[in-house]
Amino acid sequence: MPQSPALAPRRAVGLLILFWALCWIAGLGDMEIRGEEGRRLLPAVEMLKTGDWLVPRIAGEAYLRKPPLFNWLAAFSFAIGGEHNEWLGRLPSALATLVLGLGILAWCRKPLGIQGAFLAAVFAMSNISLLQKGRLAELEALYIVLSGLAWAWWSAAWLRGRSPWIVWIPAGLLLGLGVLAKGPVHLLFFYVPAVWSLVMSVRKNPDGGLRALLHPAHIAGLLLCAAVFAAWAVPLLQATAGDGTNGVWMRQFTGRLESGGDGTGGFEFGKWLLQFPRAILNFFPWALFLPFLWNPGPLPHWSTRVRTWFLGARAGMIVAAVLILLAPGSSSRFVMPLLTVPALLLGAVMGDPKFQLPVRLASAWRFTLLICAAVCLPAGAATPVLGKFSVLSVFGGMGAFALSLALWKHRASLRGVMPLLFGSMAVIAAVMLIYSGAVLRFVRDKEDDRPMGDLVNRAVPPEVLLVAFDVGFQPFLFYVREPLAYAPDRDDLPLTGHWLFCEREKLGRLKATGRLAADTPVTEFKDRDDTPMVIVKMKAP
């Protein structure tokens, strides 16, 4: 495809980085950990404390339901930052989002043109899924990014007719890291579109068809993918022999595809049926442009290789998504690693110089942006007040106001795909700044775990060892200061005097040791599940 001279590569990189900083960095650490974040960050804290990077642990017990790649990245982030907090814990997800955008821009610039690659990068980064997941210390963002990078590399290298070794080896490495992040499901999302494209190219290209899968380079890529995971899994299985690690992994994988895969055992037909539209909404707002994939005006002008890639990837992504979503226990988030495929396809179509944006759609797009700017202007002005004039609220409010004002001032220039895309980026950034500066303040007023951590820190004197006895997964432990140790069983209790907290109903097991310094707890509170918890003093045996 010819390259458009309208967007210089350096400007494209600068715009992506600025867009990323406004959307993903502002207010990144303001909200307390939520959802599954505790299961990603608590093992990272333990890895730094114990030096055991092989076995992820929560409350002193092995946590083997997920591979440890995100735990490692979070631990590295904590180590570099010199402490553990929400901002550092979420930074790997945010950085991964930036890497996805820059990777697409760098690798796809030649086959798609700079304009097409920039569009694809923005579509891949700023869909609603990554706008949310890229600000959380969860696995999805990293999984989406690694899957997306593998697809972007393979597509760019294959479209340029590069050596099979260049096509398959880096893709195999990225796919292996994806397995180490969350498991092997993303391999389906990579191979179905890739194989479909290869099969469609068999008549025109000597390296096309299933023969490409038998090339030594592809076999080496598969072995590299397996080796990346095996480098952790084999030592883990040796270290946890007899702990049922294989069974944990099998139940984790099959449970997602069974009826009631969330563990409830119930199947709801209506909820299952809604997974299909929800999967499309994962790509919002850019899902509105998906019809262009079935009416690609520039398609006849493309080379045979580009056409077969486009048609094969388009068919493959639908087949892969349907295969996953048809499972009774499926969820729309299971297909998130597929989002980079439509992003690249849309970039190829809408970034082509021969693409013509329909006049009515362009007018509706422009009208929507102006409405959003009109709403963001007063919202940006009110953000410092709503955020109680914190630094973030002032910065966010001023930024949102300035972006909305600039968009409104230049409304006459909102003609064509790229100006409208820049306007959309401005609106998205303004909304995220308002969210970070004002909305998060109201979220913080409803926190549970951070206040509980503060309560424990006030109750226990500094420098006194606090032992969590058989507490299981408790996210508020992320906020409890050191020294903190875990004792899953009575035999694990330290032999020195210390303070201890546990569920109230487990005090009887401690009284039998004869080590309670007093019968009355130092303090009592309830966790997020309203389970009574107590803090007691323990003496040496």
Protein backbone atom coordinates (compact mmCIF):
# COMPACT_ATOMS: atom_id res chain seq x y z
CA MET A 1 0.00 0.00 0.00
CA PRO A 2 1.28 3.51 -0.66
CA GLN A 3 2.18 5.60 2.33
CA SER A 4 0.41 8.84 3.10
CA PRO A 5 2.69 11.87 3.54
CA ALA A 6 0.17 13.58 5.80
CA LEU A 7 1.55 12.10 9.03
CA ALA A 8 5.27 12.03 9.74
CA PRO A 9 6.50 8.96 11.69
CA ARG A 10 8.00 11.03 14.52
CA ARG A 11 4.81 13.00 14.90
CA ALA A 12 2.82 9.77 14.97
CA VAL A 13 5.02 8.37 17.76
CA GLY A 14 4.76 11.61 19.75
CA LEU A 15 0.98 11.72 19.41
CA LEU A 16 0.64 8.10 20.57
CA ILE A 17 2.83 8.69 23.62
CA LEU A 18 0.97 11.89 24.55
CA PHE A 19 -2.39 10.17 24.07
CA TRP A 20 -1.25 7.25 26.22
CA ALA A 21 0.03 9.50 29.02
CA LEU A 22 -3.25 11.42 29.22
CA CYS A 23 -5.47 8.33 29.14
CA TRP A 24 -3.54 5.74 31.15
CA ILE A 25 -1.13 7.49 33.51
CA ALA A 26 -3.28 10.23 35.08
CA GLY A 27 -4.83 8.92 38.30
CA LEU A 28 -3.46 5.43 37.72
CA GLY A 29 -2.83 4.80 41.43
CA ASP A 30 -5.72 6.74 42.98
CA MET A 31 -8.19 3.87 43.22
CA GLU A 32 -7.62 1.06 45.71
CA ILE A 33 -6.97 -2.41 44.34
CA ARG A 34 -10.17 -4.08 43.19
CA GLY A 35 -11.43 -7.33 41.70
CA GLU A 36 -8.62 -9.72 40.89
CA GLU A 37 -5.84 -7.17 41.40
CA GLY A 38 -5.02 -8.54 44.83
CA ARG A 39 -4.31 -11.97 43.32
CA ARG A 40 -1.78 -10.35 40.97
CA LEU A 41 -0.08 -8.00 43.42
CA LEU A 42 0.11 -9.97 46.68
CA PRO A 43 2.23 -12.73 45.06
CA ALA A 44 4.50 -10.02 43.64
CA VAL A 45 5.05 -8.59 47.13
CA GLU A 46 5.83 -12.07 48.45
CA MET A 47 8.28 -12.74 45.63
CA LEU A 48 10.28 -9.67 46.57
CA LYS A 49 10.14 -10.53 50.25
CA THR A 50 11.05 -14.21 50.06
CA GLY A 51 13.12 -14.34 46.88
CA ASP A 52 10.99 -17.25 45.62
CA TRP A 53 10.16 -16.29 42.03
CA LEU A 54 9.06 -19.77 41.05
CA VAL A 55 5.91 -20.38 43.11
CA PRO A 56 3.37 -17.52 43.40
CA ARG A 57 1.92 -17.41 46.90
CA ILE A 58 -1.05 -15.78 48.58
CA ALA A 59 -1.25 -15.80 52.38
CA GLY A 60 1.64 -18.26 52.49
CA GLU A 61 -0.02 -20.84 50.22
CA ALA A 62 0.83 -21.61 46.60
CA TYR A 63 -1.44 -19.89 44.09
CA LEU A 64 -1.20 -21.90 40.87
CA ARG A 65 -4.37 -20.96 39.01
CA LYS A 66 -2.52 -18.51 36.75
CA PRO A 67 1.03 -18.34 35.34
CA PRO A 68 3.32 -15.78 36.97
CA LEU A 69 4.34 -13.36 34.19
CA PHE A 70 2.29 -10.46 35.55
CA ASN A 71 3.44 -11.26 39.11
CA TRP A 72 7.03 -10.95 37.91
CA LEU A 73 6.42 -7.66 36.10
CA ALA A 74 4.67 -6.18 39.13
CA ALA A 75 7.50 -7.34 41.39
CA PHE A 76 10.05 -5.70 39.07
CA SER A 77 7.99 -2.52 39.15
CA PHE A 78 7.91 -2.57 42.97
CA ALA A 79 11.64 -3.25 43.10
CA ILE A 80 12.46 -0.33 40.81
CA GLY A 81 10.06 1.99 42.65
CA GLY A 82 11.36 0.95 46.08
CA GLU A 83 7.87 0.32 47.49
CA HIS A 84 4.62 -1.36 46.63
CA ASN A 85 1.56 0.71 45.80
CA GLU A 86 -1.30 0.79 43.33
CA TRP A 87 0.47 3.03 40.79
CA LEU A 88 3.51 0.79 40.50
CA GLY A 89 1.36 -2.33 40.48
CA ARG A 90 -0.74 -1.09 37.55
CA LEU A 91 2.18 0.37 35.63
CA PRO A 92 2.97 -2.91 33.75
CA SER A 93 -0.55 -2.93 32.27
CA ALA A 94 -0.33 0.72 31.27
CA LEU A 95 3.13 0.31 29.74
CA ALA A 96 2.00 -2.80 27.88
CA THR A 97 -0.77 -0.75 26.25
CA LEU A 98 1.79 1.77 25.00
CA VAL A 99 4.04 -1.01 23.71
CA LEU A 100 1.12 -2.41 21.71
CA GLY A 101 0.48 0.91 20.01
CA LEU A 102 4.14 1.61 19.27
CA GLY A 103 4.71 -1.97 18.09
CA ILE A 104 1.85 -1.77 15.59
CA LEU A 105 3.05 1.62 14.39
CA ALA A 106 6.65 0.46 13.93
CA TRP A 107 5.98 -2.95 12.38
CA CYS A 108 2.97 -2.14 10.19
CA ARG A 109 4.15 1.22 8.88
CA LYS A 110 5.46 -0.22 5.62
CA PRO A 111 2.75 -2.77 4.73
CA LEU A 112 -0.18 -0.56 5.81
CA GLY A 113 1.32 2.90 5.35
CA ILE A 114 1.97 5.31 8.19
CA GLN A 115 -1.65 6.47 8.20
CA GLY A 116 -3.05 2.93 8.28
CA ALA A 117 -0.58 1.85 10.98
CA PHE A 118 -1.46 4.88 13.12
CA LEU A 119 -5.17 4.19 12.78
CA ALA A 120 -4.62 0.52 13.69
CA ALA A 121 -2.53 1.51 16.73
CA VAL A 122 -5.18 3.91 18.03
CA PHE A 123 -7.98 1.38 17.40
CA ALA A 124 -6.03 -1.34 19.23
CA MET A 125 -5.14 0.87 22.21
CA SER A 126 -8.24 2.93 22.82
CA ASN A 127 -11.12 0.49 22.61
CA ILE A 128 -13.16 0.33 25.79
CA SER A 129 -11.55 -2.95 26.84
CA LEU A 130 -7.98 -1.63 27.00
CA LEU A 131 -9.05 1.77 28.29
CA GLN A 132 -10.35 -0.12 31.33
CA LYS A 133 -8.02 -3.11 31.61
CA GLY A 134 -4.91 -1.06 30.82
CA ARG A 135 -5.45 0.86 34.06
CA LEU A 136 -5.74 -2.23 36.26
CA ALA A 137 -3.24 -4.72 37.66
CA GLU A 138 -5.01 -7.62 35.98
CA LEU A 139 -4.01 -10.18 33.37
CA GLU A 140 -6.27 -9.10 30.52
CA ALA A 141 -4.28 -6.07 29.36
CA LEU A 142 -1.01 -7.99 29.22
CA TYR A 143 -2.74 -10.92 27.50
CA ILE A 144 -4.38 -8.66 24.90
CA VAL A 145 -1.08 -6.89 24.25
CA LEU A 146 1.05 -10.01 23.82
CA SER A 147 -1.56 -11.63 21.58
CA GLY A 148 -1.88 -8.41 19.60
CA LEU A 149 1.87 -7.97 19.20
CA ALA A 150 2.20 -11.54 17.93
CA TRP A 151 -0.52 -10.94 15.34
CA ALA A 152 0.90 -7.54 14.32
CA TRP A 153 4.42 -8.94 13.89
CA TRP A 154 3.25 -11.97 11.91
CA SER A 155 1.00 -9.84 9.69
CA ALA A 156 3.65 -7.22 8.98
CA ALA A 157 6.39 -9.76 8.28
CA TRP A 158 4.17 -11.98 6.12
CA LEU A 159 2.75 -9.05 4.14
CA ARG A 160 6.29 -7.90 3.37
CA GLY A 161 7.29 -11.37 2.20
CA ARG A 162 10.01 -11.74 4.81
CA SER A 163 11.90 -14.96 5.52
CA PRO A 164 9.81 -17.60 7.33
CA TRP A 165 12.34 -17.44 10.17
CA ILE A 166 11.59 -13.75 10.62
CA VAL A 167 7.86 -14.39 10.33
CA TRP A 168 7.57 -17.23 12.85
CA ILE A 169 10.32 -16.96 15.47
CA PRO A 170 9.40 -13.56 17.03
CA ALA A 171 5.72 -14.51 16.81
CA GLY A 172 6.48 -17.75 18.65
CA LEU A 173 8.30 -15.85 21.39
CA LEU A 174 5.39 -13.44 21.87
CA LEU A 175 2.87 -16.28 21.88
CA GLY A 176 4.96 -18.10 24.49
CA LEU A 177 4.95 -15.02 26.70
CA GLY A 178 1.18 -14.93 26.25
CA VAL A 179 0.92 -18.49 27.55
CA LEU A 180 3.08 -17.45 30.49
CA ALA A 181 0.68 -14.56 31.12
CA LYS A 182 -2.65 -16.37 31.17
CA GLY A 183 -2.67 -19.65 29.29
CA PRO A 184 -2.97 -21.02 25.73
CA VAL A 185 -6.41 -19.84 24.58
CA HIS A 186 -4.94 -16.93 22.59
CA LEU A 187 -3.23 -19.45 20.30
CA LEU A 188 -6.65 -20.07 18.76
CA PHE A 189 -7.08 -16.35 18.07
CA PHE A 190 -3.68 -16.24 16.38
CA TYR A 191 -3.73 -19.43 14.35
CA VAL A 192 -7.27 -19.39 12.96
CA PRO A 193 -6.86 -16.01 11.17
CA ALA A 194 -3.25 -16.82 10.21
CA VAL A 195 -4.01 -20.28 8.81
CA TRP A 196 -7.07 -18.98 6.98
CA SER A 197 -4.91 -16.32 5.32
CA LEU A 198 -2.30 -18.93 4.39
CA VAL A 199 -4.89 -21.27 2.90
CA MET A 200 -6.37 -18.48 0.78
CA SER A 201 -2.93 -17.62 -0.57
CA VAL A 202 -2.02 -21.13 -1.71
CA ARG A 203 -2.84 -20.57 -5.37
CA LYS A 204 -0.89 -17.34 -5.72
CA ASN A 205 2.11 -17.73 -3.43
CA PRO A 206 4.50 -20.69 -3.34
CA ASP A 207 4.93 -20.28 0.42
CA GLY A 208 1.19 -20.19 1.03
CA GLY A 209 -1.20 -22.81 2.31
CA LEU A 210 -0.64 -25.37 5.01
CA ARG A 211 2.85 -26.04 3.62
CA ALA A 212 3.99 -22.94 5.50
CA LEU A 213 3.07 -24.65 8.77
CA LEU A 214 5.47 -27.50 7.96
CA HIS A 215 8.41 -25.16 7.42
CA PRO A 216 11.20 -25.64 9.99
CA ALA A 217 10.85 -21.98 10.97
CA HIS A 218 7.25 -22.51 12.08
CA ILE A 219 8.12 -25.68 13.94
CA ALA A 220 10.97 -23.79 15.66
CA GLY A 221 8.52 -21.02 16.55
CA LEU A 222 6.14 -23.53 18.14
CA LEU A 223 9.00 -25.10 20.08
CA LEU A 224 10.08 -21.64 21.26
CA CYS A 225 6.51 -20.90 22.37
CA ALA A 226 6.43 -24.15 24.36
CA ALA A 227 9.94 -23.59 25.75
CA VAL A 228 9.04 -20.17 27.17
CA PHE A 229 6.25 -21.72 29.24
CA ALA A 230 8.22 -24.87 30.07
CA ALA A 231 11.11 -22.82 31.46
CA TRP A 232 8.80 -21.98 34.37
CA ALA A 233 6.35 -24.90 34.36
CA VAL A 234 8.87 -27.76 34.55
CA PRO A 235 10.74 -26.44 37.63
CA LEU A 236 7.39 -25.58 39.20
CA LEU A 237 6.06 -29.11 38.73
CA GLN A 238 9.25 -30.48 40.28
CA ALA A 239 8.99 -28.10 43.23
CA THR A 240 5.28 -28.76 43.85
CA ALA A 241 5.21 -32.51 43.20
CA GLY A 242 2.17 -34.01 44.88
CA ASP A 243 0.36 -30.67 45.21
CA GLY A 244 -1.98 -31.36 42.29
CA THR A 245 -0.64 -28.60 40.05
CA ASN A 246 -1.71 -30.40 36.87
CA GLY A 247 -5.22 -30.80 38.22
CA VAL A 248 -5.43 -27.11 39.11
CA TRP A 249 -4.47 -26.11 35.58
CA MET A 250 -6.87 -28.59 33.98
CA ARG A 251 -9.80 -27.45 36.13
CA GLN A 252 -8.97 -23.82 35.45
CA PHE A 253 -8.99 -24.39 31.68
CA THR A 254 -11.97 -26.71 31.34
CA GLY A 255 -14.03 -24.80 33.91
CA ARG A 256 -14.08 -21.78 31.60
CA LEU A 257 -15.72 -23.78 28.83
CA GLU A 258 -18.20 -25.79 30.86
CA SER A 259 -21.73 -24.83 31.76
CA GLY A 260 -21.45 -22.24 34.49
CA GLY A 261 -17.75 -21.79 33.91
CA ASP A 262 -17.64 -19.15 36.61
CA GLY A 263 -17.84 -21.90 39.16
CA THR A 264 -21.54 -21.48 39.94
CA GLY A 265 -22.54 -24.55 37.94
CA GLY A 266 -25.59 -22.78 36.47
CA PHE A 267 -26.20 -21.99 32.81
CA GLU A 268 -28.31 -18.96 31.88
CA PHE A 269 -29.34 -18.99 28.22
CA GLY A 270 -30.16 -15.26 28.07
CA LYS A 271 -26.86 -14.27 29.63
CA TRP A 272 -24.97 -16.60 27.30
CA LEU A 273 -26.76 -15.20 24.25
CA LEU A 274 -25.74 -11.65 25.23
CA GLN A 275 -22.05 -12.59 25.05
CA PHE A 276 -22.11 -12.11 21.26
CA PRO A 277 -23.13 -8.41 21.24
CA ARG A 278 -20.97 -7.83 24.30
CA ALA A 279 -17.97 -9.23 22.44
CA ILE A 280 -18.54 -6.63 19.73
CA LEU A 281 -18.93 -3.88 22.33
CA ASN A 282 -15.47 -4.78 23.63
CA PHE A 283 -14.20 -2.91 20.56
CA PHE A 284 -16.34 0.19 21.19
CA PRO A 285 -16.27 2.93 19.91
CA TRP A 286 -14.38 1.61 16.90
CA ALA A 287 -16.84 -1.29 16.55
CA LEU A 288 -19.06 1.25 14.76
CA PHE A 289 -16.68 1.04 11.81
CA LEU A 290 -16.67 -2.76 11.54
CA PRO A 291 -19.15 -2.70 8.59
CA PHE A 292 -16.31 -1.24 6.50
CA LEU A 293 -14.64 -4.66 6.69
CA TRP A 294 -17.46 -6.04 4.53
CA ASN A 295 -17.41 -3.17 2.06
CA PRO A 296 -13.72 -2.33 1.72
CA GLY A 297 -13.55 0.09 -1.21
CA PRO A 298 -9.75 -0.13 -1.64
CA LEU A 299 -9.76 -3.96 -1.80
CA PRO A 300 -9.56 -4.27 -5.62
CA HIS A 301 -6.48 -2.02 -5.68
CA TRP A 302 -4.50 -4.10 -3.18
CA SER A 303 -1.91 -6.69 -4.06
CA THR A 304 -2.87 -10.35 -3.97
CA ARG A 305 -0.96 -10.91 -0.75
CA VAL A 306 -2.71 -8.04 1.04
CA ARG A 307 -6.13 -9.19 -0.20
CA THR A 308 -5.62 -12.78 0.95
CA TRP A 309 -4.35 -11.56 4.34
CA PHE A 310 -7.36 -9.29 4.74
CA LEU A 311 -9.99 -11.82 3.66
CA GLY A 312 -8.41 -14.67 5.61
CA ALA A 313 -8.03 -12.64 8.80
CA ARG A 314 -11.58 -11.33 8.51
CA ALA A 315 -13.05 -14.82 8.20
CA GLY A 316 -10.66 -16.28 10.76
CA MET A 317 -11.45 -13.79 13.49
CA ILE A 318 -15.18 -14.51 13.16
CA VAL A 319 -14.67 -18.27 13.29
CA ALA A 320 -12.32 -18.01 16.30
CA ALA A 321 -14.70 -15.74 18.19
CA VAL A 322 -17.73 -17.93 17.50
CA LEU A 323 -15.86 -21.09 18.58
CA ILE A 324 -15.15 -19.55 21.98
CA LEU A 325 -18.47 -17.78 22.48
CA LEU A 326 -20.50 -20.91 21.65
CA ALA A 327 -19.16 -22.65 24.76
CA PRO A 328 -21.90 -22.56 27.45
CA GLY A 329 -19.61 -21.15 30.14
CA SER A 330 -18.00 -18.56 27.89
CA SER A 331 -17.74 -14.82 28.45
CA SER A 332 -17.27 -11.88 26.12
CA ARG A 333 -13.96 -11.05 27.79
CA PHE A 334 -12.53 -14.38 26.65
CA VAL A 335 -12.26 -13.01 23.10
CA MET A 336 -10.47 -9.79 24.08
CA PRO A 337 -7.09 -11.11 22.80
CA LEU A 338 -8.67 -11.03 19.33
CA LEU A 339 -9.18 -7.25 19.34
CA THR A 340 -5.96 -6.41 17.49
CA VAL A 341 -7.14 -8.35 14.42
CA PRO A 342 -10.05 -6.00 13.57
CA ALA A 343 -7.86 -3.04 14.55
CA LEU A 344 -5.31 -3.92 11.87
CA LEU A 345 -7.99 -4.70 9.30
CA LEU A 346 -9.72 -1.37 9.88
CA GLY A 347 -6.38 0.41 9.73
CA ALA A 348 -5.73 -1.20 6.35
CA VAL A 349 -9.11 -0.09 4.98
CA MET A 350 -9.53 3.37 6.48
CA GLY A 351 -5.86 4.29 6.13
CA ASP A 352 -5.78 3.63 2.41
CA PRO A 353 -5.67 6.83 0.30
CA LYS A 354 -8.49 5.43 -1.88
CA PHE A 355 -10.84 5.02 1.07
CA GLN A 356 -13.79 7.41 1.00
CA LEU A 357 -15.62 8.06 4.26
CA PRO A 358 -19.37 8.24 3.56
CA VAL A 359 -20.61 11.82 3.81
CA ARG A 360 -23.42 11.04 6.25
CA LEU A 361 -21.12 9.04 8.52
CA ALA A 362 -18.51 11.81 8.46
CA SER A 363 -21.19 14.35 9.41
CA ALA A 364 -22.50 12.14 12.21
CA TRP A 365 -18.95 11.52 13.48
CA ARG A 366 -18.22 15.25 13.46
CA PHE A 367 -21.52 16.08 15.17
CA THR A 368 -20.87 13.50 17.89
CA LEU A 369 -17.42 14.91 18.58
CA LEU A 370 -18.78 18.44 18.90
CA ILE A 371 -21.51 17.28 21.29
CA CYS A 372 -18.86 15.51 23.40
CA ALA A 373 -16.69 18.64 23.37
CA ALA A 374 -19.65 20.77 24.44
CA VAL A 375 -20.24 18.42 27.39
CA CYS A 376 -16.55 18.17 28.33
CA LEU A 377 -16.08 21.96 28.45
CA PRO A 378 -18.24 22.55 31.56
CA ALA A 379 -17.29 19.14 32.98
CA GLY A 380 -13.61 20.03 32.69
CA ALA A 381 -14.22 23.38 34.35
CA ALA A 382 -16.05 21.66 37.22
CA THR A 383 -13.46 18.91 37.70
CA PRO A 384 -11.20 20.88 40.13
CA VAL A 385 -14.21 21.67 42.30
CA LEU A 386 -15.46 18.08 42.30
CA GLY A 387 -11.94 16.84 43.00
CA LYS A 388 -11.51 19.27 45.91
CA PHE A 389 -8.72 21.11 44.06
CA SER A 390 -6.23 18.27 44.28
CA VAL A 391 -3.28 18.49 41.90
CA LEU A 392 -4.76 15.75 39.74
CA SER A 393 -8.19 17.37 39.57
CA VAL A 394 -6.73 20.75 38.60
CA PHE A 395 -4.48 19.18 35.97
CA GLY A 396 -7.24 16.92 34.69
CA GLY A 397 -9.82 19.71 34.56
CA MET A 398 -7.51 22.13 32.79
CA GLY A 399 -6.41 19.43 30.33
CA ALA A 400 -9.96 18.35 29.53
CA PHE A 401 -11.10 21.96 29.13
CA ALA A 402 -8.15 22.80 26.86
CA LEU A 403 -8.66 19.73 24.66
CA SER A 404 -12.39 20.37 24.31
CA LEU A 405 -11.84 24.05 23.57
CA ALA A 406 -9.23 23.26 20.92
CA LEU A 407 -11.56 20.74 19.31
CA TRP A 408 -14.40 23.24 19.24
CA LYS A 409 -12.12 25.98 17.89
CA HIS A 410 -10.94 23.78 15.02
CA ARG A 411 -14.34 22.24 14.27
CA ALA A 412 -14.23 23.51 10.69
CA SER A 413 -11.19 21.33 9.97
CA LEU A 414 -12.92 18.11 11.06
CA ARG A 415 -13.05 16.72 7.56
CA GLY A 416 -11.69 13.35 6.55
CA VAL A 417 -10.60 10.28 8.49
CA MET A 418 -7.43 11.59 10.14
CA PRO A 419 -8.81 14.93 11.44
CA LEU A 420 -11.83 13.08 12.82
CA LEU A 421 -9.54 10.50 14.42
CA PHE A 422 -7.48 13.26 16.08
CA GLY A 423 -10.72 14.78 17.35
CA SER A 424 -11.77 11.42 18.75
CA MET A 425 -8.45 11.06 20.53
CA ALA A 426 -8.94 14.52 22.06
CA VAL A 427 -12.42 13.57 23.31
CA ILE A 428 -11.25 10.24 24.73
CA ALA A 429 -8.34 11.95 26.51
CA ALA A 430 -10.66 14.66 27.90
CA VAL A 431 -13.10 12.05 29.23
CA MET A 432 -10.28 10.07 30.87
CA LEU A 433 -8.86 13.23 32.47
CA ILE A 434 -12.28 14.11 33.90
CA TYR A 435 -12.65 10.55 35.15
CA SER A 436 -9.23 10.66 36.82
CA GLY A 437 -9.67 14.12 38.31
CA ALA A 438 -13.27 14.00 39.51
CA VAL A 439 -14.98 10.60 39.26
CA LEU A 440 -12.24 8.69 41.09
CA ARG A 441 -12.76 10.91 44.14
CA PHE A 442 -16.26 9.50 44.59
CA VAL A 443 -14.96 5.98 44.04
CA ARG A 444 -12.43 6.50 46.84
CA ASP A 445 -15.25 7.45 49.21
CA LYS A 446 -16.56 3.88 48.88
CA GLU A 447 -13.29 2.04 49.47
CA ASP A 448 -13.09 -1.02 51.72
CA ASP A 449 -9.60 -2.52 51.63
CA ARG A 450 -7.44 0.56 52.08
CA PRO A 451 -9.33 1.66 55.25
CA MET A 452 -9.01 -1.88 56.66
CA GLY A 453 -5.28 -1.84 56.02
CA ASP A 454 -5.02 1.53 57.76
CA LEU A 455 -7.01 0.17 60.72
CA VAL A 456 -4.58 -2.73 61.13
CA ASN A 457 -1.59 -0.40 60.83
CA ARG A 458 -2.97 1.84 63.57
CA ALA A 459 -3.67 -1.11 65.86
CA VAL A 460 -0.24 -2.76 65.54
CA PRO A 461 2.85 -0.85 66.72
CA PRO A 462 5.52 -0.21 64.08
CA GLU A 463 8.36 -2.75 63.85
CA VAL A 464 6.20 -5.40 65.58
CA LEU A 465 5.86 -8.62 63.59
CA LEU A 466 2.27 -9.22 62.53
CA VAL A 467 1.33 -12.76 61.48
CA ALA A 468 -1.71 -13.49 59.31
CA PHE A 469 -2.98 -16.87 60.50
CA ASP A 470 -4.93 -18.98 57.99
CA VAL A 471 -6.63 -15.94 56.46
CA GLY A 472 -6.73 -17.01 52.80
CA PHE A 473 -7.10 -14.29 50.17
CA GLN A 474 -7.55 -10.91 51.81
CA PRO A 475 -6.88 -7.96 49.45
CA PHE A 476 -6.45 -5.47 52.31
CA LEU A 477 -3.18 -7.21 53.22
CA PHE A 478 -1.67 -5.22 50.36
CA TYR A 479 -1.99 -2.14 52.59
CA VAL A 480 -0.63 -3.66 55.80
CA ARG A 481 2.91 -2.47 56.44
CA GLU A 482 5.88 -4.69 57.09
CA PRO A 483 6.92 -6.74 58.97
CA LEU A 484 4.13 -9.08 57.90
CA ALA A 485 4.31 -12.88 57.81
CA TYR A 486 1.88 -15.68 57.00
CA ALA A 487 1.09 -18.85 58.90
CA PRO A 488 -1.34 -21.15 57.04
CA ASP A 489 -1.25 -23.58 59.99
CA ARG A 490 -0.37 -23.55 63.71
CA ASP A 491 2.92 -25.30 62.97
CA ASP A 492 3.95 -22.30 60.86
CA LEU A 493 3.65 -19.79 63.72
CA PRO A 494 6.94 -18.07 64.66
CA LEU A 495 8.56 -19.16 67.92
CA THR A 496 9.04 -15.56 69.01
CA GLY A 497 6.50 -13.19 70.49
CA HIS A 498 4.39 -11.42 67.88
CA TRP A 499 0.98 -10.04 67.07
CA LEU A 500 -1.48 -12.06 65.04
CA PHE A 501 -4.74 -11.58 63.23
CA CYS A 502 -7.21 -14.18 62.02
CA GLU A 503 -10.90 -14.90 61.76
CA ARG A 504 -12.59 -14.75 65.14
CA GLU A 505 -13.89 -18.31 64.86
CA LYS A 506 -10.30 -19.59 64.58
CA LEU A 507 -9.25 -18.22 67.97
CA GLY A 508 -10.03 -21.61 69.52
CA ARG A 509 -7.21 -23.20 67.54
CA LEU A 510 -4.83 -20.58 68.91
CA LYS A 511 -5.95 -20.95 72.52
CA ALA A 512 -4.99 -24.61 72.37
CA THR A 513 -1.37 -23.56 71.84
CA GLY A 514 -1.32 -21.72 75.18
CA ARG A 515 0.44 -18.80 73.51
CA LEU A 516 -2.26 -16.13 73.68
CA ALA A 517 -0.90 -13.23 75.73
CA ALA A 518 -4.45 -12.19 76.69
CA ASP A 519 -7.94 -13.56 76.24
CA THR A 520 -9.27 -10.26 74.93
CA PRO A 521 -8.40 -9.26 71.34
CA VAL A 522 -6.55 -5.99 70.81
CA THR A 523 -9.10 -4.96 68.19
CA GLU A 524 -11.86 -6.42 66.08
CA PHE A 525 -13.17 -5.56 62.61
CA LYS A 526 -14.96 -7.13 59.65
CA ASP A 527 -13.51 -7.81 56.24
CA ARG A 528 -15.28 -7.04 52.95
CA ASP A 529 -17.35 -10.25 53.32
CA ASP A 530 -18.44 -9.23 56.84
CA THR A 531 -16.35 -12.00 58.39
CA PRO A 532 -15.33 -11.00 61.96
CA MET A 533 -11.54 -10.59 62.26
CA VAL A 534 -9.47 -10.11 65.43
CA ILE A 535 -5.95 -8.99 66.28
CA VAL A 536 -4.33 -10.65 69.31
CA LYS A 537 -0.95 -10.73 71.01
CA MET A 538 1.05 -13.97 71.02
CA LYS A 539 3.88 -14.88 73.39
CA ALA A 540 6.87 -17.14 72.87
CA PRO A 541 6.30 -20.83 73.76
